[in-house]
């Protein structure tokens, strides 16, 4: 990226003096009027130059926050080494650079959002985190060796930690706002391989037979119990849409998917039921992905 120095403009004011004197003794009579005083121009002050901080060598700007070229190179080198150690598949240099840039853009979006939300990370907190890492690593020399191994300068490590802590704070805030009252349905399912079998079971349900009992007979292993399901978990949207349109105690029509024919039953609905750990991880990931996409769509991102 090119560096630009501030420009200072000077205004030179050159007074122009003119005079004329002609004496025609026999033609013009000299005036005896008091001369009109000539105003002396006031001095024009030279404007004081305003110094603009020189931006760092950068690869992008996200919401007016620079992504340093040094941080990009660090991320790129660590990704390159990680791919070399963990996979035999080759990845192009352009793909590596794009992945490194995308990673830093996402991290900077978290940083920008944290600052906007008033979650400013203080230098003392970053220093405390460095001391904590040094203690875990085995002392100052150990942390220096770690920095050298993973290509972090002292300032680069501080910037990375600020992004990391900011992201953690924003995740906590986001989950508290969006995952506090998730609607879940305790669902049962009857699944068959043929439409005729599914329609036959549906007819029995319409006559008043118990859904749970038919589900248990249809699938003795699981009893048809799908457990508590929040939105976003089911693979097939047509099943999820039909399930969440139900009131407790009701069931769907026969729904066809590529794995068979389904009838779903909503036994209970609740916004207080605790998510199990696996479901919570899925919902958290989906929430973060959706939030990040929203932020990317509205962010001011300039690639340099």
Protein backbone atom coordinates (compact mmCIF):
# COMPACT_ATOMS: atom_id res chain seq x y z
CA UNK A 1 0.00 0.00 0.00
CA UNK A 2 1.37 3.48 -0.85
CA UNK A 3 2.07 5.88 2.01
CA UNK A 4 0.83 9.43 1.73
CA UNK A 5 2.39 12.35 3.61
CA UNK A 6 0.27 15.34 4.59
CA UNK A 7 0.32 18.25 2.09
CA UNK A 8 1.02 21.78 3.29
CA UNK A 9 -0.24 24.61 1.17
CA UNK A 10 1.31 28.05 1.42
CA UNK A 11 -0.43 31.19 0.20
CA UNK A 12 1.93 33.93 -0.96
CA UNK A 13 0.40 37.34 -1.04
CA UNK A 14 2.36 39.74 -3.20
CA UNK A 15 1.20 43.33 -2.80
CA UNK A 16 1.33 45.21 -6.01
CA UNK A 17 2.38 48.80 -5.73
CA UNK A 18 1.71 51.25 -8.46
CA UNK A 19 2.24 54.97 -8.68
CA UNK A 20 2.13 57.56 -11.31
CA UNK A 21 3.07 61.21 -11.43
CA UNK A 22 2.73 63.57 -14.31
CA UNK A 23 3.06 67.33 -14.10
CA UNK A 24 1.57 69.51 -16.77
CA UNK A 25 2.15 72.97 -15.41
CA UNK A 26 0.12 74.76 -17.99
CA UNK A 27 -2.74 72.31 -18.30
CA UNK A 28 -3.66 70.84 -14.87
CA UNK A 29 -4.21 72.55 -11.61
CA UNK A 30 -2.88 70.57 -8.59
CA UNK A 31 -5.50 69.45 -6.07
CA UNK A 32 -5.32 70.84 -2.59
CA UNK A 33 -7.68 68.13 -1.07
CA UNK A 34 -6.44 66.03 1.81
CA UNK A 35 -5.34 62.67 0.47
CA UNK A 36 -7.57 59.68 1.30
CA UNK A 37 -5.70 57.38 3.68
CA UNK A 38 -4.62 54.07 2.17
CA UNK A 39 -5.54 50.99 4.21
CA UNK A 40 -2.63 48.74 5.02
CA UNK A 41 -3.48 45.10 4.26
CA UNK A 42 -3.72 42.91 7.36
CA UNK A 43 -1.24 40.10 7.58
CA UNK A 44 -2.67 36.71 6.52
CA UNK A 45 -1.72 33.97 8.93
CA UNK A 46 -0.25 30.85 7.39
CA UNK A 47 -2.57 27.89 8.25
CA UNK A 48 -1.16 25.46 10.79
CA UNK A 49 -0.55 22.08 9.21
CA UNK A 50 -2.72 19.22 10.50
CA UNK A 51 -0.72 16.03 10.76
CA UNK A 52 -2.51 12.87 9.64
CA UNK A 53 -1.19 9.63 11.15
CA UNK A 54 0.55 7.53 8.55
CA UNK A 55 -1.43 4.30 8.12
CA UNK A 56 0.46 1.05 8.62
CA UNK A 57 1.34 -1.19 5.67
CA UNK A 58 -1.99 -3.00 5.29
CA UNK A 59 -3.88 -5.43 3.08
CA UNK A 60 -7.44 -4.32 3.89
CA UNK A 61 -9.58 -1.93 5.93
CA UNK A 62 -12.69 -3.15 7.76
CA UNK A 63 -14.94 -0.50 9.27
CA UNK A 64 -11.96 1.88 9.38
CA UNK A 65 -9.75 -0.68 11.14
CA UNK A 66 -6.57 -1.58 9.27
CA UNK A 67 -5.60 -5.22 8.73
CA UNK A 68 -1.85 -5.03 8.96
CA UNK A 69 0.28 -6.64 6.28
CA UNK A 70 2.39 -8.16 9.07
CA UNK A 71 -0.68 -9.87 10.57
CA UNK A 72 -1.69 -11.14 7.14
CA UNK A 73 1.77 -12.64 6.57
CA UNK A 74 1.70 -14.28 10.01
CA UNK A 75 -1.72 -15.80 9.38
CA UNK A 76 -0.73 -16.92 5.89
CA UNK A 77 2.46 -18.64 7.08
CA UNK A 78 0.68 -20.42 9.93
CA UNK A 79 -2.05 -21.64 7.56
CA UNK A 80 0.56 -22.86 5.11
CA UNK A 81 2.33 -24.84 7.82
CA UNK A 82 -0.94 -26.22 9.18
CA UNK A 83 -1.96 -27.55 5.75
CA UNK A 84 1.49 -29.08 5.28
CA UNK A 85 1.29 -30.90 8.62
CA UNK A 86 -2.34 -32.07 8.53
CA UNK A 87 -3.18 -32.91 4.92
CA UNK A 88 -1.53 -34.39 1.90
CA UNK A 89 -3.76 -32.39 -0.42
CA UNK A 90 -2.14 -29.43 -2.12
CA UNK A 91 -3.70 -25.99 -1.94
CA UNK A 92 -2.87 -23.13 -4.25
CA UNK A 93 -1.12 -20.01 -2.99
CA UNK A 94 -4.08 -17.87 -4.10
CA UNK A 95 -6.48 -20.04 -2.10
CA UNK A 96 -4.23 -19.81 0.95
CA UNK A 97 -4.06 -16.02 0.68
CA UNK A 98 -7.83 -15.75 0.33
CA UNK A 99 -8.38 -17.98 3.37
CA UNK A 100 -5.92 -15.91 5.42
CA UNK A 101 -7.61 -12.67 4.36
CA UNK A 102 -11.11 -14.01 5.06
CA UNK A 103 -10.01 -15.17 8.51
CA UNK A 104 -8.63 -11.75 9.39
CA UNK A 105 -11.69 -9.96 7.98
CA UNK A 106 -13.96 -12.08 10.20
CA UNK A 107 -11.75 -11.44 13.25
CA UNK A 108 -11.74 -7.70 12.53
CA UNK A 109 -15.52 -7.69 12.18
CA UNK A 110 -15.72 -9.13 15.71
CA UNK A 111 -13.25 -6.47 16.88
CA UNK A 112 -15.24 -3.68 15.25
CA UNK A 113 -18.53 -4.95 16.70
CA UNK A 114 -17.01 -5.24 20.18
CA UNK A 115 -15.78 -1.65 20.05
CA UNK A 116 -19.16 -0.43 18.83
CA UNK A 117 -20.85 -2.30 21.69
CA UNK A 118 -18.53 -0.67 24.24
CA UNK A 119 -16.56 -3.87 24.85
CA UNK A 120 -13.23 -2.11 24.53
CA UNK A 121 -10.24 -4.30 25.40
CA UNK A 122 -7.78 -2.39 27.56
CA UNK A 123 -3.97 -2.73 27.13
CA UNK A 124 -3.72 -3.95 30.74
CA UNK A 125 -6.02 -6.86 29.92
CA UNK A 126 -3.90 -7.83 26.93
CA UNK A 127 -0.71 -7.67 29.03
CA UNK A 128 -2.36 -9.84 31.68
CA UNK A 129 -3.29 -12.35 28.99
CA UNK A 130 0.32 -12.39 27.75
CA UNK A 131 1.57 -13.06 31.28
CA UNK A 132 -0.97 -15.87 31.60
CA UNK A 133 0.25 -17.41 28.35
CA UNK A 134 3.86 -17.08 29.47
CA UNK A 135 3.06 -18.88 32.73
CA UNK A 136 1.31 -21.67 30.84
CA UNK A 137 4.19 -21.97 28.38
CA UNK A 138 6.83 -22.08 31.11
CA UNK A 139 8.13 -18.53 31.37
CA UNK A 140 9.16 -15.52 29.32
CA UNK A 141 11.71 -17.43 27.26
CA UNK A 142 9.14 -20.10 26.41
CA UNK A 143 6.61 -17.55 25.18
CA UNK A 144 9.30 -15.88 23.08
CA UNK A 145 10.11 -19.25 21.51
CA UNK A 146 6.40 -19.78 20.85
CA UNK A 147 6.14 -16.37 19.18
CA UNK A 148 9.11 -17.18 16.99
CA UNK A 149 7.67 -20.56 16.06
CA UNK A 150 4.33 -19.04 15.04
CA UNK A 151 5.77 -15.84 13.53
CA UNK A 152 4.34 -13.30 15.99
CA UNK A 153 6.12 -10.05 16.80
CA UNK A 154 5.36 -8.49 20.19
CA UNK A 155 2.94 -5.97 18.67
CA UNK A 156 1.49 -8.57 16.32
CA UNK A 157 0.73 -10.84 19.29
CA UNK A 158 -1.01 -7.96 21.09
CA UNK A 159 -3.18 -7.25 18.04
CA UNK A 160 -4.04 -10.96 17.70
CA UNK A 161 -5.00 -11.16 21.39
CA UNK A 162 -7.19 -8.07 21.11
CA UNK A 163 -9.05 -9.70 18.21
CA UNK A 164 -9.32 -12.99 20.12
CA UNK A 165 -10.64 -11.45 23.34
CA UNK A 166 -13.05 -9.21 21.41
CA UNK A 167 -14.44 -12.21 19.52
CA UNK A 168 -14.97 -14.12 22.76
CA UNK A 169 -16.84 -11.18 24.32
CA UNK A 170 -19.03 -10.74 21.24
CA UNK A 171 -19.86 -14.46 21.12
CA UNK A 172 -20.96 -14.35 24.76
CA UNK A 173 -23.10 -11.28 24.09
CA UNK A 174 -24.57 -12.75 20.92
CA UNK A 175 -25.48 -16.08 22.52
CA UNK A 176 -27.03 -14.35 25.52
CA UNK A 177 -29.22 -12.28 23.20
CA UNK A 178 -30.23 -14.93 20.67
CA UNK A 179 -30.12 -18.26 22.52
CA UNK A 180 -31.91 -17.36 25.73
CA UNK A 181 -35.40 -18.57 24.73
CA UNK A 182 -35.26 -21.03 21.85
CA UNK A 183 -38.47 -22.81 20.99
CA UNK A 184 -38.10 -26.59 20.99
CA UNK A 185 -40.49 -29.39 20.17
CA UNK A 186 -40.41 -32.88 21.63
CA UNK A 187 -41.11 -34.79 18.44
CA UNK A 188 -41.95 -38.33 17.40
CA UNK A 189 -41.67 -39.74 13.90
CA UNK A 190 -43.13 -42.57 11.86
CA UNK A 191 -41.00 -43.30 8.80
CA UNK A 192 -41.69 -45.85 6.08
CA UNK A 193 -40.08 -46.85 2.81
CA UNK A 194 -43.29 -46.77 0.79
CA UNK A 195 -46.10 -44.27 0.37
CA UNK A 196 -48.77 -46.96 0.70
CA UNK A 197 -47.46 -48.05 4.11
CA UNK A 198 -47.27 -44.44 5.31
CA UNK A 199 -50.80 -43.69 4.12
CA UNK A 200 -52.10 -46.81 5.87
CA UNK A 201 -50.55 -45.68 9.18
CA UNK A 202 -51.91 -42.18 8.64
CA UNK A 203 -55.41 -43.65 8.28
CA UNK A 204 -55.03 -45.42 11.64
CA UNK A 205 -53.94 -42.18 13.25
CA UNK A 206 -56.98 -40.43 11.80
CA UNK A 207 -59.15 -43.08 13.42
CA UNK A 208 -57.72 -42.10 16.82
CA UNK A 209 -54.91 -44.58 17.47
CA UNK A 210 -52.02 -43.37 19.61
CA UNK A 211 -49.17 -41.85 17.60
CA UNK A 212 -46.56 -42.85 20.19
CA UNK A 213 -47.76 -46.48 20.24
CA UNK A 214 -47.74 -46.72 16.42
CA UNK A 215 -44.29 -45.09 16.32
CA UNK A 216 -42.93 -47.61 18.83
CA UNK A 217 -44.31 -50.51 16.79
CA UNK A 218 -42.94 -49.03 13.58
CA UNK A 219 -39.45 -48.53 15.07
CA UNK A 220 -38.89 -50.74 18.14
CA UNK A 221 -35.26 -49.55 18.45
CA UNK A 222 -35.90 -45.85 19.03
CA UNK A 223 -39.65 -45.83 19.48
CA UNK A 224 -39.75 -43.03 16.92
CA UNK A 225 -38.62 -40.58 19.63
CA UNK A 226 -36.65 -37.73 17.99
CA UNK A 227 -36.05 -35.92 21.29
CA UNK A 228 -36.25 -32.15 21.72
CA UNK A 229 -35.67 -30.33 18.44
CA UNK A 230 -35.00 -26.60 17.93
CA UNK A 231 -35.20 -24.91 14.56
CA UNK A 232 -32.19 -25.40 12.33
CA UNK A 233 -31.39 -28.97 13.35
CA UNK A 234 -33.36 -31.07 10.89
CA UNK A 235 -31.61 -31.79 7.60
CA UNK A 236 -34.77 -31.51 5.51
CA UNK A 237 -36.46 -28.07 5.62
CA UNK A 238 -39.80 -29.56 4.58
CA UNK A 239 -39.82 -31.67 7.76
CA UNK A 240 -38.81 -28.75 9.98
CA UNK A 241 -41.38 -26.39 8.50
CA UNK A 242 -44.16 -28.93 8.92
CA UNK A 243 -43.11 -29.81 12.48
CA UNK A 244 -42.96 -26.22 13.74
CA UNK A 245 -46.36 -25.50 12.22
CA UNK A 246 -47.92 -28.07 14.58
CA UNK A 247 -49.61 -27.48 17.88
CA UNK A 248 -48.83 -29.91 20.73
CA UNK A 249 -50.76 -33.16 20.32
CA UNK A 250 -51.09 -32.92 16.51
CA UNK A 251 -49.29 -34.60 13.61
CA UNK A 252 -48.42 -33.84 9.99
CA UNK A 253 -49.59 -35.32 6.72
CA UNK A 254 -47.30 -37.80 4.98
CA UNK A 255 -44.14 -35.99 3.84
CA UNK A 256 -41.80 -37.46 1.25
CA UNK A 257 -38.01 -36.99 1.34
CA UNK A 258 -35.17 -38.78 -0.38
CA UNK A 259 -34.89 -41.20 2.56
CA UNK A 260 -38.55 -42.20 2.76
CA UNK A 261 -42.02 -41.12 3.89
CA UNK A 262 -42.53 -39.37 7.23
CA UNK A 263 -45.30 -38.45 9.65
CA UNK A 264 -44.22 -36.16 12.51
CA UNK A 265 -45.91 -35.63 15.88
CA UNK A 266 -45.44 -32.69 18.27
CA UNK A 267 -45.74 -34.05 21.80
CA UNK A 268 -44.64 -30.87 23.65
CA UNK A 269 -43.43 -27.35 22.97
CA UNK A 270 -41.18 -25.29 25.25
CA UNK A 271 -38.80 -22.32 25.32
CA UNK A 272 -37.37 -23.37 28.71
CA UNK A 273 -36.04 -26.80 27.87
CA UNK A 274 -32.25 -26.93 28.11
CA UNK A 275 -30.39 -27.68 24.88
CA UNK A 276 -28.16 -30.73 24.96
CA UNK A 277 -24.46 -30.12 24.33
CA UNK A 278 -24.41 -31.40 20.74
CA UNK A 279 -27.50 -29.42 19.75
CA UNK A 280 -26.12 -26.32 21.51
CA UNK A 281 -22.92 -26.49 19.47
CA UNK A 282 -24.87 -26.74 16.23
CA UNK A 283 -27.12 -23.80 17.15
CA UNK A 284 -24.16 -21.69 18.26
CA UNK A 285 -22.33 -22.35 15.00
CA UNK A 286 -25.40 -21.49 12.94
CA UNK A 287 -25.97 -18.33 14.98
CA UNK A 288 -22.38 -17.18 14.48
CA UNK A 289 -22.44 -17.93 10.76
CA UNK A 290 -25.68 -16.00 10.30
CA UNK A 291 -24.43 -13.05 12.37
CA UNK A 292 -21.10 -12.92 10.53
CA UNK A 293 -22.85 -12.91 7.17
CA UNK A 294 -25.10 -10.07 8.32
CA UNK A 295 -22.05 -8.11 9.49
CA UNK A 296 -20.14 -8.77 6.26
CA UNK A 297 -23.09 -7.57 4.19
CA UNK A 298 -23.22 -4.26 6.05
CA UNK A 299 -19.49 -3.72 6.73
CA UNK A 300 -17.26 -1.23 4.95
CA UNK A 301 -14.54 -3.50 3.56
CA UNK A 302 -11.75 -2.20 1.35
CA UNK A 303 -9.15 -4.57 -0.09
CA UNK A 304 -5.86 -2.77 -0.67
